[in-house]
Amino acid sequence: MVVPIAPIGAIAPLTSVTAGSAAPAAGSAANFATALSHGLDAVSGAQANADNLTVQAATGTLIDPAQLTIATTQATLMTELASSVQSKAVTAFNTIMGMQA
């Protein structure tokens, strides 16, 4: 029996940005914190999904091995993206702190 591979869904934007806004809104720090929290929750969910499928593969209950490959790759890419964002944030923080000296 051949099971077709399900297509990968589009990644939804974290927040919507209006083209005409010149100044950030008063609650933009809270919006950033919320977006960051949702992003980290998504990374955690992708890792949990990959772990669940890995356990299914190890126990022999996984029907479609392609799902494991897709989930593992997605979790890896999301983790690398989160690490890159963290690195850029630390670099930006250090640059700002260097300006104040």
C-alpha atoms as a PDB file:
ATOM      1  CA  MET A   1       0.000   0.000   0.000  1.00  0.00           C
ATOM      2  CA  VAL A   2       1.401   3.357  -1.024  1.00  0.00           C
ATOM      3  CA  VAL A   3       0.533   6.336   1.165  1.00  0.00           C
ATOM      4  CA  PRO A   4       0.931   9.710  -0.544  1.00  0.00           C
ATOM      5  CA  ILE A   5       3.096  12.280   1.173  1.00  0.00           C
ATOM      6  CA  ALA A   6       1.094  15.165   2.583  1.00  0.00           C
ATOM      7  CA  PRO A   7       2.177  18.625   1.396  1.00  0.00           C
ATOM      8  CA  ILE A   8       4.013  20.887   3.807  1.00  0.00           C
ATOM      9  CA  GLY A   9       1.790  23.745   4.924  1.00  0.00           C
ATOM     10  CA  ALA A  10       2.756  27.376   4.577  1.00  0.00           C
ATOM     11  CA  ILE A  11       4.358  29.111   7.531  1.00  0.00           C
ATOM     12  CA  ALA A  12       2.014  31.750   8.912  1.00  0.00           C
ATOM     13  CA  PRO A  13       3.484  35.175   9.692  1.00  0.00           C
ATOM     14  CA  LEU A  14       4.018  35.873  13.376  1.00  0.00           C
ATOM     15  CA  THR A  15       2.408  39.316  13.250  1.00  0.00           C
ATOM     16  CA  SER A  16       0.899  41.502  10.581  1.00  0.00           C
ATOM     17  CA  VAL A  17       2.771  44.676   9.651  1.00  0.00           C
ATOM     18  CA  THR A  18       1.067  47.651   8.081  1.00  0.00           C
ATOM     19  CA  ALA A  19       2.982  49.411   5.333  1.00  0.00           C
ATOM     20  CA  GLY A  20       2.187  52.957   6.467  1.00  0.00           C
ATOM     21  CA  SER A  21       3.286  52.765  10.101  1.00  0.00           C
ATOM     22  CA  ALA A  22       6.315  54.991  10.675  1.00  0.00           C
ATOM     23  CA  ALA A  23       6.564  54.790  14.462  1.00  0.00           C
ATOM     24  CA  PRO A  24       6.219  51.628  16.538  1.00  0.00           C
ATOM     25  CA  ALA A  25       3.099  51.236  18.604  1.00  0.00           C
ATOM     26  CA  ALA A  26       3.222  51.786  22.359  1.00  0.00           C
ATOM     27  CA  GLY A  27       2.831  48.056  23.074  1.00  0.00           C
ATOM     28  CA  SER A  28       5.399  46.911  20.535  1.00  0.00           C
ATOM     29  CA  ALA A  29       7.639  45.438  23.255  1.00  0.00           C
ATOM     30  CA  ALA A  30       4.737  43.318  24.458  1.00  0.00           C
ATOM     31  CA  ASN A  31       3.949  42.329  20.861  1.00  0.00           C
ATOM     32  CA  PHE A  32       7.568  41.300  20.313  1.00  0.00           C
ATOM     33  CA  ALA A  33       7.585  39.270  23.526  1.00  0.00           C
ATOM     34  CA  THR A  34       4.342  37.572  22.499  1.00  0.00           C
ATOM     35  CA  ALA A  35       5.649  36.818  19.007  1.00  0.00           C
ATOM     36  CA  LEU A  36       8.889  35.463  20.453  1.00  0.00           C
ATOM     37  CA  SER A  37       6.966  33.305  22.896  1.00  0.00           C
ATOM     38  CA  HIS A  38       4.765  31.896  20.125  1.00  0.00           C
ATOM     39  CA  GLY A  39       7.832  31.215  17.994  1.00  0.00           C
ATOM     40  CA  LEU A  40       9.573  29.308  20.774  1.00  0.00           C
ATOM     41  CA  ASP A  41       6.371  27.363  21.457  1.00  0.00           C
ATOM     42  CA  ALA A  42       6.278  26.403  17.763  1.00  0.00           C
ATOM     43  CA  VAL A  43       9.886  25.179  17.940  1.00  0.00           C
ATOM     44  CA  SER A  44       9.066  23.149  21.035  1.00  0.00           C
ATOM     45  CA  GLY A  45       5.993  21.680  19.336  1.00  0.00           C
ATOM     46  CA  ALA A  46       7.968  20.713  16.236  1.00  0.00           C
ATOM     47  CA  GLN A  47      10.581  19.004  18.392  1.00  0.00           C
ATOM     48  CA  ALA A  48       7.897  17.160  20.368  1.00  0.00           C
ATOM     49  CA  ASN A  49       6.250  16.012  17.114  1.00  0.00           C
ATOM     50  CA  ALA A  50       9.582  14.743  15.785  1.00  0.00           C
ATOM     51  CA  ASP A  51      10.249  12.949  19.085  1.00  0.00           C
ATOM     52  CA  ASN A  52       6.808  11.340  18.998  1.00  0.00           C
ATOM     53  CA  LEU A  53       7.310  10.108  15.431  1.00  0.00           C
ATOM     54  CA  THR A  54      10.792   8.821  16.349  1.00  0.00           C
ATOM     55  CA  VAL A  55       9.290   6.739  19.158  1.00  0.00           C
ATOM     56  CA  GLN A  56       6.655   5.427  16.743  1.00  0.00           C
ATOM     57  CA  ALA A  57       9.392   4.470  14.275  1.00  0.00           C
ATOM     58  CA  ALA A  58      11.395   2.721  16.988  1.00  0.00           C
ATOM     59  CA  THR A  59       8.386   0.731  18.166  1.00  0.00           C
ATOM     60  CA  GLY A  60       7.274  -0.157  14.639  1.00  0.00           C
ATOM     61  CA  THR A  61       3.955   1.679  14.747  1.00  0.00           C
ATOM     62  CA  LEU A  62       4.894   4.434  12.284  1.00  0.00           C
ATOM     63  CA  ILE A  63       3.030   3.928   9.017  1.00  0.00           C
ATOM     64  CA  ASP A  64       4.762   6.516   6.823  1.00  0.00           C
ATOM     65  CA  PRO A  65       8.526   6.956   7.342  1.00  0.00           C
ATOM     66  CA  ALA A  66       8.457  10.129   5.227  1.00  0.00           C
ATOM     67  CA  GLN A  67       6.541  11.841   8.035  1.00  0.00           C
ATOM     68  CA  LEU A  68       9.487  11.219  10.352  1.00  0.00           C
ATOM     69  CA  THR A  69      11.949  12.645   7.851  1.00  0.00           C
ATOM     70  CA  ILE A  70       9.828  15.750   7.279  1.00  0.00           C
ATOM     71  CA  ALA A  71       9.182  16.332  10.991  1.00  0.00           C
ATOM     72  CA  THR A  72      12.843  15.846  11.909  1.00  0.00           C
ATOM     73  CA  THR A  73      14.015  18.217   9.178  1.00  0.00           C
ATOM     74  CA  GLN A  74      11.402  20.799  10.156  1.00  0.00           C
ATOM     75  CA  ALA A  75      12.419  20.610  13.835  1.00  0.00           C
ATOM     76  CA  THR A  76      16.085  20.941  12.909  1.00  0.00           C
ATOM     77  CA  LEU A  77      15.488  23.975  10.703  1.00  0.00           C
ATOM     78  CA  MET A  78      13.294  25.661  13.288  1.00  0.00           C
ATOM     79  CA  THR A  79      15.920  25.073  15.989  1.00  0.00           C
ATOM     80  CA  GLU A  80      18.659  26.490  13.758  1.00  0.00           C
ATOM     81  CA  LEU A  81      16.491  29.547  13.019  1.00  0.00           C
ATOM     82  CA  ALA A  82      15.830  30.115  16.727  1.00  0.00           C
ATOM     83  CA  SER A  83      19.542  29.814  17.428  1.00  0.00           C
ATOM     84  CA  SER A  84      20.330  32.307  14.673  1.00  0.00           C
ATOM     85  CA  VAL A  85      17.753  34.790  15.992  1.00  0.00           C
ATOM     86  CA  GLN A  86      19.206  34.419  19.496  1.00  0.00           C
ATOM     87  CA  SER A  87      22.710  35.046  18.189  1.00  0.00           C
ATOM     88  CA  LYS A  88      21.589  38.164  16.299  1.00  0.00           C
ATOM     89  CA  ALA A  89      19.748  39.450  19.387  1.00  0.00           C
ATOM     90  CA  VAL A  90      22.837  39.025  21.558  1.00  0.00           C
ATOM     91  CA  THR A  91      24.970  40.802  18.935  1.00  0.00           C
ATOM     92  CA  ALA A  92      22.467  43.678  18.754  1.00  0.00           C
ATOM     93  CA  PHE A  93      22.351  43.934  22.553  1.00  0.00           C
ATOM     94  CA  ASN A  94      26.145  44.032  22.779  1.00  0.00           C
ATOM     95  CA  THR A  95      26.287  46.704  20.042  1.00  0.00           C
ATOM     96  CA  ILE A  96      23.761  48.866  21.894  1.00  0.00           C
ATOM     97  CA  MET A  97      25.635  48.435  25.181  1.00  0.00           C
ATOM     98  CA  GLY A  98      28.867  49.396  23.416  1.00  0.00           C
ATOM     99  CA  MET A  99      27.286  52.656  22.222  1.00  0.00           C
ATOM    100  CA  GLN A 100      26.503  53.712  25.785  1.00  0.00           C
ATOM    101  CA  ALA A 101      30.082  53.391  27.008  1.00  0.00           C
END
